[in-house]
Amino acid sequence: MQEWQKIGHRAAIAHQLECFAFIAKAQEEDERAARLFGAAEALRENINIPMMPTERPEYDREGSDLRANMDEAAFAKAWAEGRALTMDQAIAYALE
């Protein structure tokens, strides 16, 4: 991810944040996953680069599952925290 950061490829960074969110979810780190999904969503909105159609089904499935497994308030809080991260902060968080 840091290589994408060096060359400024923000769409690739958003995708990588989503991948890190999938990993966090698989490791049952739900709040972390929600933050990373929120950060990726905000970055995609900021650069106006939507997800590829082939990526959408997995993203929707994993996001819905995550939301269903979390308390709604906790999910909303973590998502908002992720959306508030700058790109650099989100990268640092993902790599922690």
C-alpha atoms as a PDB file:
ATOM      1  CA  MET A   1       0.000   0.000   0.000  1.00  0.00           C
ATOM      2  CA  GLN A   2       2.860   2.365   0.711  1.00  0.00           C
ATOM      3  CA  GLU A   3       4.059   2.009  -2.882  1.00  0.00           C
ATOM      4  CA  TRP A   4       0.639   3.119  -4.130  1.00  0.00           C
ATOM      5  CA  GLN A   5       0.881   6.017  -1.701  1.00  0.00           C
ATOM      6  CA  LYS A   6       4.294   7.036  -3.075  1.00  0.00           C
ATOM      7  CA  ILE A   7       2.990   7.214  -6.635  1.00  0.00           C
ATOM      8  CA  GLY A   8      -0.351   8.729  -5.642  1.00  0.00           C
ATOM      9  CA  HIS A   9      -2.591   5.916  -6.902  1.00  0.00           C
ATOM     10  CA  ARG A  10      -5.555   6.657  -4.636  1.00  0.00           C
ATOM     11  CA  ALA A  11      -7.933   4.195  -6.302  1.00  0.00           C
ATOM     12  CA  ALA A  12      -5.521   1.355  -5.551  1.00  0.00           C
ATOM     13  CA  ILE A  13      -5.218   2.589  -1.974  1.00  0.00           C
ATOM     14  CA  ALA A  14      -9.009   2.534  -1.569  1.00  0.00           C
ATOM     15  CA  HIS A  15      -9.057  -1.033  -2.885  1.00  0.00           C
ATOM     16  CA  GLN A  16      -6.279  -2.054  -0.519  1.00  0.00           C
ATOM     17  CA  LEU A  17      -8.132  -0.501   2.435  1.00  0.00           C
ATOM     18  CA  GLU A  18     -11.117  -2.658   1.497  1.00  0.00           C
ATOM     19  CA  CYS A  19      -8.867  -5.720   1.363  1.00  0.00           C
ATOM     20  CA  PHE A  20      -7.500  -4.910   4.816  1.00  0.00           C
ATOM     21  CA  ALA A  21     -11.113  -4.534   6.011  1.00  0.00           C
ATOM     22  CA  PHE A  22     -11.937  -8.014   4.667  1.00  0.00           C
ATOM     23  CA  ILE A  23      -8.941  -9.403   6.556  1.00  0.00           C
ATOM     24  CA  ALA A  24      -9.938  -7.625   9.772  1.00  0.00           C
ATOM     25  CA  LYS A  25     -13.468  -8.994   9.439  1.00  0.00           C
ATOM     26  CA  ALA A  26     -12.151 -12.520   8.882  1.00  0.00           C
ATOM     27  CA  GLN A  27     -10.089 -12.111  12.058  1.00  0.00           C
ATOM     28  CA  GLU A  28     -13.246 -11.005  13.892  1.00  0.00           C
ATOM     29  CA  GLU A  29     -11.917  -7.476  14.390  1.00  0.00           C
ATOM     30  CA  ASP A  30     -15.270  -5.964  13.507  1.00  0.00           C
ATOM     31  CA  GLU A  31     -14.687  -2.389  14.668  1.00  0.00           C
ATOM     32  CA  ARG A  32     -11.393  -2.283  12.787  1.00  0.00           C
ATOM     33  CA  ALA A  33     -13.085  -3.654   9.672  1.00  0.00           C
ATOM     34  CA  ALA A  34     -15.838  -1.029   9.906  1.00  0.00           C
ATOM     35  CA  ARG A  35     -13.268   1.768  10.262  1.00  0.00           C
ATOM     36  CA  LEU A  36     -11.350   0.525   7.241  1.00  0.00           C
ATOM     37  CA  PHE A  37     -14.511   0.173   5.152  1.00  0.00           C
ATOM     38  CA  GLY A  38     -15.495   3.704   6.172  1.00  0.00           C
ATOM     39  CA  ALA A  39     -12.071   5.059   5.252  1.00  0.00           C
ATOM     40  CA  ALA A  40     -12.170   3.335   1.861  1.00  0.00           C
ATOM     41  CA  GLU A  41     -15.667   4.622   1.155  1.00  0.00           C
ATOM     42  CA  ALA A  42     -14.689   8.209   2.008  1.00  0.00           C
ATOM     43  CA  LEU A  43     -11.571   8.002  -0.164  1.00  0.00           C
ATOM     44  CA  ARG A  44     -13.560   6.645  -3.114  1.00  0.00           C
ATOM     45  CA  GLU A  45     -16.101   9.452  -2.710  1.00  0.00           C
ATOM     46  CA  ASN A  46     -13.332  12.038  -2.423  1.00  0.00           C
ATOM     47  CA  ILE A  47     -11.647  10.953  -5.655  1.00  0.00           C
ATOM     48  CA  ASN A  48     -14.910  10.049  -7.400  1.00  0.00           C
ATOM     49  CA  ILE A  49     -13.720   6.547  -8.294  1.00  0.00           C
ATOM     50  CA  PRO A  50     -16.411   3.910  -7.820  1.00  0.00           C
ATOM     51  CA  MET A  51     -15.722   0.293  -7.123  1.00  0.00           C
ATOM     52  CA  MET A  52     -15.420  -2.042 -10.110  1.00  0.00           C
ATOM     53  CA  PRO A  53     -18.687  -3.908 -10.780  1.00  0.00           C
ATOM     54  CA  THR A  54     -16.920  -7.216 -10.148  1.00  0.00           C
ATOM     55  CA  GLU A  55     -15.878  -6.023  -6.667  1.00  0.00           C
ATOM     56  CA  ARG A  56     -19.337  -4.868  -5.580  1.00  0.00           C
ATOM     57  CA  PRO A  57     -20.967  -8.250  -4.710  1.00  0.00           C
ATOM     58  CA  GLU A  58     -18.226  -9.272  -2.259  1.00  0.00           C
ATOM     59  CA  TYR A  59     -18.109  -5.791  -0.741  1.00  0.00           C
ATOM     60  CA  ASP A  60     -21.886  -5.699  -0.277  1.00  0.00           C
ATOM     61  CA  ARG A  61     -21.977  -9.214   1.180  1.00  0.00           C
ATOM     62  CA  GLU A  62     -19.132  -8.610   3.629  1.00  0.00           C
ATOM     63  CA  GLY A  63     -20.426  -5.166   4.614  1.00  0.00           C
ATOM     64  CA  SER A  64     -23.931  -6.479   5.255  1.00  0.00           C
ATOM     65  CA  ASP A  65     -22.583  -9.376   7.289  1.00  0.00           C
ATOM     66  CA  LEU A  66     -20.388  -7.032   9.310  1.00  0.00           C
ATOM     67  CA  ARG A  67     -23.284  -4.676  10.003  1.00  0.00           C
ATOM     68  CA  ALA A  68     -25.516  -7.601  11.062  1.00  0.00           C
ATOM     69  CA  ASN A  69     -22.883  -8.869  13.502  1.00  0.00           C
ATOM     70  CA  MET A  70     -22.268  -5.530  15.206  1.00  0.00           C
ATOM     71  CA  ASP A  71     -24.335  -3.352  17.468  1.00  0.00           C
ATOM     72  CA  GLU A  72     -25.748  -0.616  15.198  1.00  0.00           C
ATOM     73  CA  ALA A  73     -24.326   2.223  17.316  1.00  0.00           C
ATOM     74  CA  ALA A  74     -20.871   0.633  17.432  1.00  0.00           C
ATOM     75  CA  PHE A  75     -20.939   0.035  13.681  1.00  0.00           C
ATOM     76  CA  ALA A  76     -22.002   3.624  12.939  1.00  0.00           C
ATOM     77  CA  LYS A  77     -19.348   5.027  15.297  1.00  0.00           C
ATOM     78  CA  ALA A  78     -16.527   2.929  13.795  1.00  0.00           C
ATOM     79  CA  TRP A  79     -17.657   3.689  10.225  1.00  0.00           C
ATOM     80  CA  ALA A  80     -17.733   7.432  10.970  1.00  0.00           C
ATOM     81  CA  GLU A  81     -14.300   7.256  12.586  1.00  0.00           C
ATOM     82  CA  GLY A  82     -12.944   5.598   9.444  1.00  0.00           C
ATOM     83  CA  ARG A  83     -14.572   8.182   7.192  1.00  0.00           C
ATOM     84  CA  ALA A  84     -12.919  10.947   9.222  1.00  0.00           C
ATOM     85  CA  LEU A  85      -9.397   9.586   8.632  1.00  0.00           C
ATOM     86  CA  THR A  86      -7.173  11.236   6.089  1.00  0.00           C
ATOM     87  CA  MET A  87      -5.741   8.930   3.449  1.00  0.00           C
ATOM     88  CA  ASP A  88      -2.378   8.897   5.226  1.00  0.00           C
ATOM     89  CA  GLN A  89      -4.031   8.155   8.569  1.00  0.00           C
ATOM     90  CA  ALA A  90      -6.060   5.342   7.014  1.00  0.00           C
ATOM     91  CA  ILE A  91      -2.929   3.793   5.513  1.00  0.00           C
ATOM     92  CA  ALA A  92      -1.112   3.981   8.845  1.00  0.00           C
ATOM     93  CA  TYR A  93      -4.118   2.442  10.605  1.00  0.00           C
ATOM     94  CA  ALA A  94      -4.367  -0.381   8.075  1.00  0.00           C
ATOM     95  CA  LEU A  95      -0.684  -1.191   8.484  1.00  0.00           C
ATOM     96  CA  GLU A  96      -0.729  -1.217  12.310  1.00  0.00           C
END
